[in-house]
Amino acid sequence: MTLFRTAGASAAALAVSATASFSLTAEEAWDRYQEYVDSFGQEITTESEDYSGGTLTLTGMVANYAPDEEEFTAVAEIGTVTLTEEDDGSVSVSMPDSYDVTISTVDDEDERTSIVVTVSQEDADITINEAGDDLRFELASPEISVVVDDLEGEDVPDEFRLELVAEDVTASALNGSGEETTSTSTFTAAALRGTMSGEDDEKGEIDSVFSATGVSGTTAATGDFARFADEETASDALASGLAMNFDAAYETSTFSVVTTGGESDDSDISGESGPGSIAFGLSGDGISYGVDYTDVDVDVAGEGVMGGSISVSLAEAGIDFLMPVLQSEEAQPLDFALRLGGLELDESIWSMFDPAGIMPRDPASLVVDLSGMGMWMQDIFSDPAEMAENEDPGHVESLEVNELVVSALGAELLGSGTFTFDNSEEDAFADMPLPAGTMNLAMTGGNALLDRLVQLGVLPSDQAMMARMMSGMIAKPGDTPDSLISEITITEDGQVLANGSPLPF
C-alpha cells in the first residue's frame, strides 16, 4: 500500500470529490501531495518542474521509500506526470501507462534480494479536489495490473512470475497531512484475478491461478507513520494515537494450484467459495485480524492422495484474533476464535474406510471461542534478538472459554469455562503459570461412537471398555440418553477436581 501511495496516483491512494468549492491549482495540489507523502517518510524527486497554461509538467519523477536503507528500500521510477487545472476547480492527473518499482531487502544473514514490480494502469482517469485542508482523489480505470517477474537473490526460484489484475476499478481517498497524517479510502473492482508460476531445479514447477468477483474494501489511517517505520519509535507512535484499519470483501472466488516435478509428489488442488471477507487493524489498543469464508469446495488430486482424489466442502470457516502490542503494567484484552462449520467429505473418501455406512455422514463442526486478559512485559518492536532471549516476555492473566463445540461422527462435545493464572508460580506438570478455574463439559453420543468404532474394527473392544471406565471417573450421566456432563476444577493450590471429587492421578 505504501508503494502505491508513493506512486502518486495509484489505486490505494485515490478518492472522490463532489464539487470543489473553489479552484485548486496544479502547483498547490503538487505541494500538498508532497507534504502528505513526506509524512509517511517517503521522498519524491523530479528532474524538472514546468508550469505553463494551467498545466504542471513533472519530468523524471522518482518516488523513494527507505525507512532503513540497509534493510529495505523501494524506488518507483514513474517518469513524466502532468497535473492540469480543470474548469470545475479540480486538477486532473496524467501518468505513464506503466512504471517499475524496485524493492530491495536484506535478511539477517546480510543476503540481499531485489524484486522489480511493474505497475500498469492504462487509460486511468485521475482527479484531485480540495476538501478544506485535505485533498480528495478519484481514480477510475478499466484495468490495473501488477507484474513481478524479475527476482534476484540467493533463495529465489530459478524462474518466477506473479501477475495480479483488477478490472473496472474505482477508488477514492481523503488524504490530509499536518501534525498527524490522516487517510481514508474506499475501492471496488468488478473482478480480481491472479496467476503465479515458478520453477526450481529442486522444488519442481508450480502454477497457480485465483480469481474473485465483486471485490470491495475500505482503509483508514491516522498518526505519525514516519515514527512507526522506525523500530526505535514504533511503540511511541502507537501510544500517541497511530491507528490503521483495512477491510475487504468479495462475492465469489476460485483457485487452483498445480505442482509437478521436484522432490514431492505431483498434486492438483482447486476450489471455489461464496462470499468472504478479511479485516486487519492496528492501534495502541492492539492488533486484530479476521478472515471469513462461506460455501467452500476443495478438490485435491495427486499421486500421494489416497484413491487419487478427494473432495471436501465447508459451509463456513473463519478465524479472528486480537492481542496487545504495547508494553504495559496493566492487562489488556485478548481474543481468539476459530470456526469450521458444515465440514463434509465426499462419499469416495468414506467408502475407503467405511463402505458399509456404519458411521453417520453428518457434517462436522468445530468452534473455539476464547477471550482473556494479558500484557507484554517488554517492547515487542525492539530488537528481535532481545525478544528471543527474554524467557518471560509477557503474561496471560485470565482466560475465558466462551464456547467450545466439537461435532462429528454422530457425537458432540460442548464446553465453557473461566480460568485465572498465577504468573508468580509455574505448574509443575505443565511448565506454565499456575491456572485456577472451572471448565464445564457436556458430551452426547459418545458411547454410540465407541460402539461404531468397535464395529468398524478400528478400536479394540477392550480399549473401548477402558475409555468408558475413564469417562466414568471424570463425568456423570446427563439428563438425556447417552449423555455425559463434567465439571473440571483446578483449585488455587493446583488440585484437580472432577465434579467435586479429586482425580486419582
Protein backbone atom coordinates (compact mmCIF):
# COMPACT_ATOMS: atom_id res chain seq x y z
CA MET A 1 0.00 0.00 0.00
CA THR A 2 2.84 2.38 0.78
CA LEU A 3 4.36 1.91 -2.65
CA PHE A 4 1.14 2.77 -4.43
CA ARG A 5 0.70 5.92 -2.38
CA THR A 6 4.27 6.86 -3.26
CA ALA A 7 3.47 6.47 -6.93
CA GLY A 8 1.20 9.49 -6.53
CA ALA A 9 -1.97 8.25 -8.10
CA SER A 10 -2.45 4.53 -7.74
CA ALA A 11 -5.49 2.65 -6.58
CA ALA A 12 -4.98 2.62 -2.85
CA ALA A 13 -4.46 6.36 -2.56
CA LEU A 14 -7.09 7.99 -4.68
CA ALA A 15 -10.57 9.35 -3.97
CA VAL A 16 -13.74 11.17 -4.90
CA SER A 17 -14.72 14.79 -4.53
CA ALA A 18 -18.21 16.04 -5.17
CA THR A 19 -17.98 19.67 -6.32
CA ALA A 20 -14.99 21.84 -5.48
CA SER A 21 -16.00 24.97 -3.58
CA PHE A 22 -13.08 26.86 -5.14
CA SER A 23 -10.31 26.18 -7.63
CA LEU A 24 -7.28 24.11 -6.77
CA THR A 25 -4.17 24.97 -8.74
CA ALA A 26 -1.85 22.31 -10.07
CA GLU A 27 1.07 23.69 -8.05
CA GLU A 28 -0.98 23.69 -4.84
CA ALA A 29 -2.03 20.08 -5.44
CA TRP A 30 1.58 19.06 -6.05
CA ASP A 31 2.93 20.87 -2.97
CA ARG A 32 0.30 19.45 -0.66
CA TYR A 33 0.69 15.94 -2.03
CA GLN A 34 4.43 16.11 -1.38
CA GLU A 35 3.70 17.18 2.19
CA TYR A 36 1.35 14.22 2.57
CA VAL A 37 3.77 11.53 1.32
CA ASP A 38 6.60 13.13 3.31
CA SER A 39 4.60 12.41 6.47
CA PHE A 40 4.99 8.70 5.65
CA GLY A 41 8.76 9.04 5.45
CA GLN A 42 8.69 8.98 1.64
CA GLU A 43 10.52 11.24 -0.78
CA ILE A 44 9.53 12.26 -4.32
CA THR A 45 12.07 13.89 -6.63
CA THR A 46 11.82 15.22 -10.18
CA GLU A 47 14.37 16.21 -12.79
CA SER A 48 12.36 19.33 -13.69
CA GLU A 49 9.05 21.06 -12.95
CA ASP A 50 7.44 23.35 -15.53
CA TYR A 51 4.16 25.26 -15.12
CA SER A 52 2.52 26.75 -18.19
CA GLY A 53 -1.07 27.50 -19.20
CA GLY A 54 -2.62 25.75 -16.19
CA THR A 55 -0.55 22.57 -16.58
CA LEU A 56 2.31 21.48 -14.31
CA THR A 57 4.66 19.04 -16.01
CA LEU A 58 6.85 16.93 -13.76
CA THR A 59 9.59 15.06 -15.60
CA GLY A 60 11.82 12.31 -14.30
CA MET A 61 9.65 11.63 -11.23
CA VAL A 62 11.11 9.10 -8.79
CA ALA A 63 9.43 8.07 -5.53
CA ASN A 64 11.68 6.64 -2.84
CA TYR A 65 10.77 4.93 0.42
CA ALA A 66 13.69 3.86 2.59
CA PRO A 67 12.88 3.62 6.31
CA ASP A 68 16.15 1.72 6.71
CA GLU A 69 18.43 1.88 3.68
CA GLU A 70 20.49 -1.04 5.00
CA GLU A 71 17.46 -3.37 5.24
CA PHE A 72 14.67 -2.10 2.96
CA THR A 73 14.29 0.30 0.05
CA ALA A 74 11.55 0.80 -2.53
CA VAL A 75 12.10 3.03 -5.55
CA ALA A 76 9.37 3.80 -8.11
CA GLU A 77 10.66 5.25 -11.38
CA ILE A 78 7.45 6.89 -12.59
CA GLY A 79 8.65 9.20 -15.36
CA THR A 80 6.61 12.18 -16.63
CA VAL A 81 3.45 13.23 -14.79
CA THR A 82 1.21 16.19 -15.69
CA LEU A 83 -1.29 17.99 -13.45
CA THR A 84 -3.85 20.07 -15.35
CA GLU A 85 -6.28 22.59 -13.88
CA GLU A 86 -9.86 21.93 -14.96
CA ASP A 87 -12.79 24.37 -15.31
CA ASP A 88 -14.68 22.75 -12.40
CA GLY A 89 -11.86 23.60 -9.98
CA SER A 90 -10.32 20.14 -9.93
CA VAL A 91 -6.90 19.01 -11.12
CA SER A 92 -6.61 16.07 -13.50
CA VAL A 93 -3.55 13.84 -13.38
CA SER A 94 -1.92 12.10 -16.32
CA MET A 95 0.61 9.36 -15.63
CA PRO A 96 2.58 6.88 -17.73
CA ASP A 97 0.65 3.73 -18.61
CA SER A 98 3.18 1.73 -16.60
CA TYR A 99 6.19 2.18 -14.34
CA ASP A 100 8.61 -0.01 -12.38
CA VAL A 101 9.05 -0.28 -8.62
CA THR A 102 12.30 -1.86 -7.42
CA ILE A 103 12.19 -3.34 -3.92
CA SER A 104 15.39 -4.37 -2.15
CA THR A 105 15.59 -6.20 1.18
CA VAL A 106 18.45 -7.57 3.30
CA ASP A 107 17.87 -10.50 5.66
CA ASP A 108 19.55 -11.33 8.97
CA GLU A 109 22.41 -13.05 7.13
CA ASP A 110 23.08 -9.93 5.03
CA GLU A 111 21.72 -11.61 1.90
CA ARG A 112 20.13 -9.08 -0.44
CA THR A 113 17.03 -9.82 -2.52
CA SER A 114 15.69 -7.45 -5.15
CA ILE A 115 12.29 -7.53 -6.85
CA VAL A 116 11.10 -5.47 -9.79
CA VAL A 117 7.35 -4.78 -9.81
CA THR A 118 5.70 -3.37 -12.93
CA VAL A 119 2.51 -1.39 -12.26
CA SER A 120 0.20 -0.67 -15.21
CA GLN A 121 -2.93 1.48 -15.20
CA GLU A 122 -3.70 2.28 -18.82
CA ASP A 123 -6.48 4.81 -19.52
CA ALA A 124 -6.75 5.70 -15.84
CA ASP A 125 -8.93 8.74 -15.05
CA ILE A 126 -7.39 10.54 -12.06
CA THR A 127 -8.61 13.78 -10.50
CA ILE A 128 -7.77 15.80 -7.38
CA ASN A 129 -10.11 18.14 -5.50
CA GLU A 130 -9.66 20.30 -2.46
CA ALA A 131 -11.61 19.46 0.71
CA GLY A 132 -10.68 22.05 3.32
CA ASP A 133 -7.18 21.25 4.48
CA ASP A 134 -7.29 17.84 2.83
CA LEU A 135 -7.07 16.56 -0.72
CA ARG A 136 -9.67 14.32 -2.30
CA PHE A 137 -8.52 11.93 -5.01
CA GLU A 138 -10.55 9.96 -7.51
CA LEU A 139 -9.46 7.06 -9.71
CA ALA A 140 -11.35 5.09 -12.33
CA SER A 141 -9.55 2.58 -14.54
CA PRO A 142 -10.71 -0.28 -16.76
CA GLU A 143 -7.75 -2.32 -15.59
CA ILE A 144 -4.86 -2.09 -13.13
CA SER A 145 -2.18 -4.77 -13.12
CA VAL A 146 0.89 -5.63 -11.08
CA VAL A 147 3.53 -7.96 -12.52
CA VAL A 148 6.56 -9.44 -10.75
CA ASP A 149 8.94 -11.38 -12.99
CA ASP A 150 12.39 -10.10 -12.07
CA LEU A 151 13.86 -11.54 -8.86
CA GLU A 152 17.48 -11.63 -7.80
CA GLY A 153 18.94 -13.18 -4.68
CA GLU A 154 20.22 -16.33 -3.02
CA ASP A 155 16.96 -18.11 -2.25
CA VAL A 156 14.74 -17.11 -5.16
CA PRO A 157 13.28 -19.55 -7.73
CA ASP A 158 15.13 -20.10 -10.98
CA GLU A 159 12.06 -18.78 -12.80
CA PHE A 160 9.16 -16.85 -11.29
CA ARG A 161 6.23 -14.73 -12.43
CA LEU A 162 3.35 -13.20 -10.49
CA GLU A 163 0.56 -11.19 -12.09
CA LEU A 164 -2.40 -9.52 -10.39
CA VAL A 165 -5.10 -7.82 -12.45
CA ALA A 166 -8.07 -5.78 -11.20
CA GLU A 167 -10.87 -4.95 -13.63
CA ASP A 168 -13.26 -1.96 -13.65
CA VAL A 169 -11.56 -0.31 -10.70
CA THR A 170 -12.86 2.71 -8.81
CA ALA A 171 -11.07 4.12 -5.78
CA SER A 172 -11.43 7.15 -3.58
CA ALA A 173 -9.46 8.66 -0.72
CA LEU A 174 -9.34 11.69 1.52
CA ASN A 175 -5.72 12.41 2.43
CA GLY A 176 -4.53 15.01 4.93
CA SER A 177 -1.20 15.93 6.48
CA GLY A 178 -0.08 18.03 9.41
CA GLU A 179 0.86 17.02 12.93
CA GLU A 180 -0.94 13.74 12.23
CA THR A 181 -1.29 12.12 8.82
CA THR A 182 -4.83 11.01 8.00
CA SER A 183 -6.15 8.90 5.15
CA THR A 184 -9.46 7.21 4.45
CA SER A 185 -10.27 5.36 1.25
CA THR A 186 -12.71 3.04 -0.48
CA PHE A 187 -12.19 0.83 -3.50
CA THR A 188 -14.14 -1.52 -5.72
CA ALA A 189 -13.23 -3.91 -8.53
CA ALA A 190 -15.66 -5.91 -10.63
CA ALA A 191 -13.13 -8.74 -10.76
CA LEU A 192 -9.69 -9.61 -9.47
CA ARG A 193 -7.55 -12.36 -10.94
CA GLY A 194 -4.04 -13.56 -10.38
CA THR A 195 -1.55 -16.07 -11.71
CA MET A 196 1.71 -17.28 -10.24
CA SER A 197 4.22 -19.64 -11.79
CA GLY A 198 7.66 -20.73 -10.70
CA GLU A 199 10.29 -23.30 -11.49
CA ASP A 200 13.15 -24.59 -9.39
CA ASP A 201 15.54 -27.47 -10.01
CA GLU A 202 14.83 -28.98 -6.59
CA LYS A 203 11.21 -27.97 -5.91
CA GLY A 204 9.89 -28.50 -9.42
CA GLU A 205 7.23 -26.36 -11.09
CA ILE A 206 4.21 -24.62 -9.59
CA ASP A 207 1.35 -22.94 -11.41
CA SER A 208 -1.48 -21.28 -9.54
CA VAL A 209 -4.49 -19.23 -10.56
CA PHE A 210 -7.08 -17.42 -8.48
CA SER A 211 -9.97 -15.09 -9.16
CA ALA A 212 -12.57 -13.11 -7.22
CA THR A 213 -15.64 -11.11 -8.18
CA GLY A 214 -17.37 -8.18 -6.52
CA VAL A 215 -14.29 -7.02 -4.64
CA SER A 216 -14.64 -4.00 -2.33
CA GLY A 217 -12.88 -2.53 0.65
CA THR A 218 -12.08 0.40 2.90
CA THR A 219 -8.96 1.70 4.62
CA ALA A 220 -8.41 4.25 7.37
CA ALA A 221 -5.17 5.50 8.88
CA THR A 222 -4.08 8.27 11.22
CA GLY A 223 -0.87 9.03 13.12
CA ASP A 224 2.85 9.58 12.72
CA PHE A 225 3.81 6.86 10.23
CA ALA A 226 7.39 8.04 9.83
CA ARG A 227 8.00 7.24 13.52
CA PHE A 228 6.18 3.92 13.17
CA ALA A 229 8.58 2.85 10.38
CA ASP A 230 11.48 3.14 12.85
CA GLU A 231 11.61 0.21 15.31
CA GLU A 232 13.02 2.53 17.98
CA THR A 233 9.94 4.77 17.90
CA ALA A 234 7.21 2.41 16.62
CA SER A 235 5.73 1.85 20.07
CA ASP A 236 5.76 5.59 20.79
CA ALA A 237 3.82 6.21 17.57
CA LEU A 238 1.17 3.66 18.55
CA ALA A 239 0.94 5.02 22.09
CA SER A 240 0.48 8.53 20.65
CA GLY A 241 -2.58 7.51 18.64
CA LEU A 242 -1.40 5.89 15.41
CA ALA A 243 -4.10 3.61 14.06
CA MET A 244 -4.86 1.81 10.81
CA ASN A 245 -7.69 -0.41 9.61
CA PHE A 246 -8.32 -2.43 6.47
CA ASP A 247 -11.48 -4.28 5.46
CA ALA A 248 -12.17 -6.11 2.21
CA ALA A 249 -14.86 -8.43 0.90
CA TYR A 250 -15.66 -10.42 -2.24
CA GLU A 251 -18.71 -12.16 -3.65
CA THR A 252 -17.17 -15.31 -5.15
CA SER A 253 -13.68 -16.79 -5.57
CA THR A 254 -11.91 -19.66 -7.31
CA PHE A 255 -8.36 -21.03 -7.14
CA SER A 256 -6.12 -23.80 -8.39
CA VAL A 257 -2.56 -24.86 -7.55
CA VAL A 258 -0.70 -27.42 -9.66
CA THR A 259 2.75 -28.73 -8.69
CA THR A 260 4.84 -31.05 -10.86
CA GLY A 261 8.34 -32.47 -10.67
CA GLY A 262 10.52 -31.76 -7.68
CA GLU A 263 11.07 -33.92 -4.65
CA SER A 264 7.42 -34.30 -3.59
CA ASP A 265 4.52 -35.95 -5.42
CA ASP A 266 2.69 -34.09 -8.17
CA SER A 267 -0.56 -32.52 -7.00
CA ASP A 268 -3.54 -30.57 -8.29
CA ILE A 269 -5.60 -28.57 -5.78
CA SER A 270 -8.59 -26.49 -6.85
CA GLY A 271 -11.58 -24.91 -5.20
CA GLU A 272 -14.24 -22.23 -5.07
CA SER A 273 -16.12 -20.29 -2.45
CA GLY A 274 -19.03 -17.94 -1.91
CA PRO A 275 -18.85 -14.56 -0.15
CA GLY A 276 -15.83 -13.89 2.07
CA SER A 277 -14.07 -11.11 3.91
CA ILE A 278 -10.80 -10.09 5.55
CA ALA A 279 -10.13 -7.43 8.19
CA PHE A 280 -6.98 -6.05 9.81
CA GLY A 281 -6.49 -3.41 12.48
CA LEU A 282 -3.52 -1.96 14.36
CA SER A 283 -3.52 0.66 17.10
CA GLY A 284 -2.36 1.22 20.66
CA ASP A 285 -5.29 -0.97 21.74
CA GLY A 286 -3.84 -3.99 19.91
CA ILE A 287 -3.57 -5.81 16.62
CA SER A 288 -6.57 -7.61 15.17
CA TYR A 289 -7.10 -9.91 12.22
CA GLY A 290 -10.12 -11.72 10.87
CA VAL A 291 -10.93 -13.91 7.86
CA ASP A 292 -14.28 -15.44 6.92
CA TYR A 293 -15.19 -17.83 4.11
CA THR A 294 -18.51 -19.39 3.12
CA ASP A 295 -19.58 -22.22 0.82
CA VAL A 296 -16.06 -23.58 0.30
CA ASP A 297 -15.46 -26.57 -2.00
CA VAL A 298 -11.96 -28.03 -2.42
CA ASP A 299 -10.76 -30.86 -4.67
CA VAL A 300 -7.35 -32.46 -4.17
CA ALA A 301 -5.78 -34.85 -6.67
CA GLY A 302 -2.30 -36.29 -6.87
CA GLU A 303 -0.04 -39.30 -6.73
CA GLY A 304 0.13 -39.21 -2.95
CA VAL A 305 -3.62 -38.80 -2.39
CA MET A 306 -5.49 -41.88 -1.23
CA GLY A 307 -7.75 -43.02 -4.05
CA GLY A 308 -6.24 -40.49 -6.42
CA SER A 309 -8.53 -37.61 -5.44
CA ILE A 310 -10.67 -36.30 -2.60
CA SER A 311 -13.28 -33.56 -2.24
CA VAL A 312 -14.06 -31.53 0.87
CA SER A 313 -16.67 -28.84 1.47
CA LEU A 314 -17.23 -26.30 4.25
CA ALA A 315 -20.37 -24.29 4.88
CA GLU A 316 -18.32 -21.68 6.74
CA ALA A 317 -14.80 -21.11 8.03
CA GLY A 318 -13.28 -18.23 9.91
CA ILE A 319 -10.61 -17.10 12.30
CA ASP A 320 -10.33 -13.94 14.43
CA PHE A 321 -7.75 -12.78 16.91
CA LEU A 322 -6.87 -9.72 18.96
CA MET A 323 -3.78 -9.20 21.10
CA PRO A 324 -1.99 -6.25 22.75
CA VAL A 325 1.03 -4.66 21.07
CA LEU A 326 2.32 -2.24 23.70
CA GLN A 327 4.34 -2.92 26.81
CA SER A 328 2.11 -2.31 29.81
CA GLU A 329 1.77 -2.85 33.54
CA GLU A 330 -1.96 -3.41 33.13
CA ALA A 331 -3.59 -6.35 31.36
CA GLN A 332 -5.30 -5.75 28.01
CA PRO A 333 -7.90 -7.79 26.08
CA LEU A 334 -7.01 -10.98 24.21
CA ASP A 335 -9.36 -12.78 21.81
CA PHE A 336 -9.17 -15.84 19.59
CA ALA A 337 -11.94 -17.55 17.67
CA LEU A 338 -11.84 -20.43 15.18
CA ARG A 339 -14.95 -21.59 13.31
CA LEU A 340 -15.30 -24.55 10.95
CA GLY A 341 -18.90 -25.33 10.17
CA GLY A 342 -20.54 -27.91 7.94
CA LEU A 343 -17.42 -29.90 7.03
CA GLU A 344 -18.34 -32.69 4.62
CA LEU A 345 -16.29 -35.37 2.86
CA ASP A 346 -17.42 -36.90 -0.41
CA GLU A 347 -18.59 -40.49 -0.43
CA SER A 348 -15.43 -41.70 -2.17
CA ILE A 349 -13.48 -40.87 1.00
CA TRP A 350 -16.00 -42.55 3.31
CA SER A 351 -16.06 -45.70 1.16
CA MET A 352 -12.32 -46.22 1.68
CA PHE A 353 -12.70 -47.00 5.40
CA ASP A 354 -16.47 -47.32 5.93
CA PRO A 355 -18.06 -48.93 2.87
CA ALA A 356 -20.92 -50.34 4.98
CA GLY A 357 -22.01 -46.88 6.11
CA ILE A 358 -21.60 -47.58 9.82
CA MET A 359 -20.54 -44.01 10.63
CA PRO A 360 -23.02 -41.12 10.33
CA ARG A 361 -22.18 -38.78 7.47
CA ASP A 362 -23.43 -35.71 9.33
CA PRO A 363 -21.43 -32.52 8.65
CA ALA A 364 -18.71 -31.91 11.24
CA SER A 365 -18.18 -28.62 13.07
CA LEU A 366 -15.52 -27.07 15.29
CA VAL A 367 -15.87 -23.84 17.28
CA VAL A 368 -13.25 -22.47 19.67
CA ASP A 369 -14.04 -19.03 21.12
CA LEU A 370 -11.59 -17.67 23.69
CA SER A 371 -11.13 -14.31 25.39
CA GLY A 372 -8.91 -13.11 28.18
CA MET A 373 -6.57 -10.50 29.55
CA GLY A 374 -2.80 -10.33 29.11
CA MET A 375 0.17 -7.99 28.81
CA TRP A 376 3.59 -7.65 27.25
CA MET A 377 6.43 -7.19 29.74
CA GLN A 378 8.74 -5.71 27.08
CA ASP A 379 8.59 -3.74 23.84
CA ILE A 380 7.78 -6.26 21.07
CA PHE A 381 9.03 -3.81 18.42
CA SER A 382 12.52 -3.83 19.92
CA ASP A 383 15.47 -5.90 18.72
CA PRO A 384 14.16 -9.43 17.83
CA ALA A 385 17.26 -10.95 19.45
CA GLU A 386 16.36 -9.30 22.76
CA MET A 387 12.82 -10.59 22.46
CA ALA A 388 14.03 -14.14 21.83
CA GLU A 389 16.38 -14.05 24.84
CA ASN A 390 13.65 -12.98 27.25
CA GLU A 391 12.18 -16.06 28.92
CA ASP A 392 9.21 -14.09 30.24
CA PRO A 393 8.19 -11.56 27.55
CA GLY A 394 4.52 -11.50 28.51
CA HIS A 395 1.81 -12.74 30.84
CA VAL A 396 -1.69 -14.12 30.41
CA GLU A 397 -3.73 -13.22 33.49
CA SER A 398 -7.11 -14.73 32.64
CA LEU A 399 -8.74 -16.90 30.01
CA GLU A 400 -12.41 -17.48 29.32
CA VAL A 401 -13.62 -20.32 27.14
CA ASN A 402 -16.73 -18.68 25.78
CA GLU A 403 -17.65 -21.60 23.58
CA LEU A 404 -16.22 -24.98 22.63
CA VAL A 405 -18.02 -27.14 20.09
CA VAL A 406 -16.72 -30.36 18.54
CA SER A 407 -19.34 -32.17 16.49
CA ALA A 408 -18.50 -35.17 14.29
CA LEU A 409 -19.41 -38.80 13.61
CA GLY A 410 -22.70 -38.51 15.48
CA ALA A 411 -21.15 -37.24 18.72
CA GLU A 412 -20.93 -33.73 20.12
CA LEU A 413 -18.79 -32.14 22.82
CA LEU A 414 -19.73 -28.74 24.29
CA GLY A 415 -17.71 -26.71 26.75
CA SER A 416 -17.25 -23.39 28.51
CA GLY A 417 -15.11 -22.18 31.37
CA THR A 418 -13.11 -19.48 33.11
CA PHE A 419 -9.52 -19.55 34.38
CA THR A 420 -7.06 -17.19 36.01
CA PHE A 421 -3.28 -17.61 36.05
CA ASP A 422 -0.81 -17.03 38.86
CA ASN A 423 2.29 -15.87 36.99
CA SER A 424 4.38 -15.95 40.18
CA GLU A 425 4.30 -19.76 40.15
CA GLU A 426 4.68 -22.42 37.48
CA ASP A 427 2.63 -25.59 37.39
CA ALA A 428 5.00 -28.48 37.88
CA PHE A 429 3.28 -30.79 35.40
CA ALA A 430 2.64 -28.26 32.64
CA ASP A 431 5.58 -25.85 32.93
CA MET A 432 3.18 -22.90 32.77
CA PRO A 433 1.74 -20.29 35.14
CA LEU A 434 -0.50 -22.00 37.70
CA PRO A 435 -4.14 -21.92 36.48
CA ALA A 436 -7.24 -21.83 38.66
CA GLY A 437 -10.82 -22.09 37.45
CA THR A 438 -13.57 -24.34 36.16
CA MET A 439 -14.39 -25.95 32.81
CA ASN A 440 -17.89 -27.32 32.17
CA LEU A 441 -18.16 -30.07 29.57
CA ALA A 442 -21.12 -31.94 28.09
CA MET A 443 -20.99 -34.80 25.60
CA THR A 444 -23.72 -36.62 23.71
CA GLY A 445 -23.38 -39.70 21.52
CA GLY A 446 -20.01 -40.73 22.97
CA ASN A 447 -20.91 -44.34 23.76
CA ALA A 448 -22.58 -44.81 20.39
CA LEU A 449 -19.42 -43.54 18.73
CA LEU A 450 -17.32 -46.07 20.65
CA ASP A 451 -19.69 -48.86 19.57
CA ARG A 452 -19.40 -47.83 15.92
CA LEU A 453 -15.61 -47.68 16.10
CA VAL A 454 -15.55 -51.22 17.52
CA GLN A 455 -17.98 -52.40 14.82
CA LEU A 456 -15.82 -50.76 12.18
CA GLY A 457 -12.79 -52.62 13.52
CA VAL A 458 -10.61 -49.59 14.18
CA LEU A 459 -10.95 -49.76 18.01
CA PRO A 460 -10.49 -53.00 20.01
CA SER A 461 -13.37 -53.72 22.39
CA ASP A 462 -11.08 -53.75 25.46
CA GLN A 463 -9.85 -50.26 24.64
CA ALA A 464 -13.44 -49.08 24.23
CA MET A 465 -14.22 -50.50 27.66
CA MET A 466 -11.22 -48.67 29.12
CA ALA A 467 -12.45 -45.40 27.55
CA ARG A 468 -15.87 -45.89 29.17
CA MET A 469 -14.22 -46.52 32.54
CA MET A 470 -12.12 -43.39 32.22
CA SER A 471 -15.14 -41.29 31.28
CA GLY A 472 -16.93 -42.65 34.36
CA MET A 473 -14.12 -41.27 36.55
CA ILE A 474 -14.38 -37.70 35.24
CA ALA A 475 -18.03 -37.44 34.13
CA LYS A 476 -21.53 -38.34 35.23
CA PRO A 477 -24.68 -39.19 33.25
CA GLY A 478 -26.62 -36.28 31.80
CA ASP A 479 -30.37 -35.76 31.54
CA THR A 480 -30.73 -37.48 28.16
CA PRO A 481 -29.68 -40.95 26.94
CA ASP A 482 -26.00 -41.36 26.01
CA SER A 483 -25.01 -38.03 27.51
CA LEU A 484 -22.26 -37.14 29.96
CA ILE A 485 -21.54 -33.96 31.89
CA SER A 486 -18.45 -32.96 33.80
CA GLU A 487 -17.21 -30.02 35.82
CA ILE A 488 -13.41 -29.92 35.88
CA THR A 489 -11.98 -27.57 38.51
CA ILE A 490 -8.38 -26.57 39.19
CA THR A 491 -8.04 -25.07 42.64
CA GLU A 492 -5.64 -22.27 43.54
CA ASP A 493 -3.30 -24.79 45.19
CA GLY A 494 -3.14 -26.88 42.00
CA GLN A 495 -5.57 -29.65 42.90
CA VAL A 496 -7.71 -31.02 40.03
CA LEU A 497 -11.33 -31.94 40.77
CA ALA A 498 -13.90 -33.70 38.60
CA ASN A 499 -17.48 -32.96 39.70
CA GLY A 500 -16.13 -32.00 43.12
CA SER A 501 -14.01 -35.14 43.63
CA PRO A 502 -10.19 -35.18 43.43
CA LEU A 503 -8.85 -37.01 40.44
CA PRO A 504 -6.75 -40.05 41.41
CA PHE A 505 -3.93 -39.18 39.04
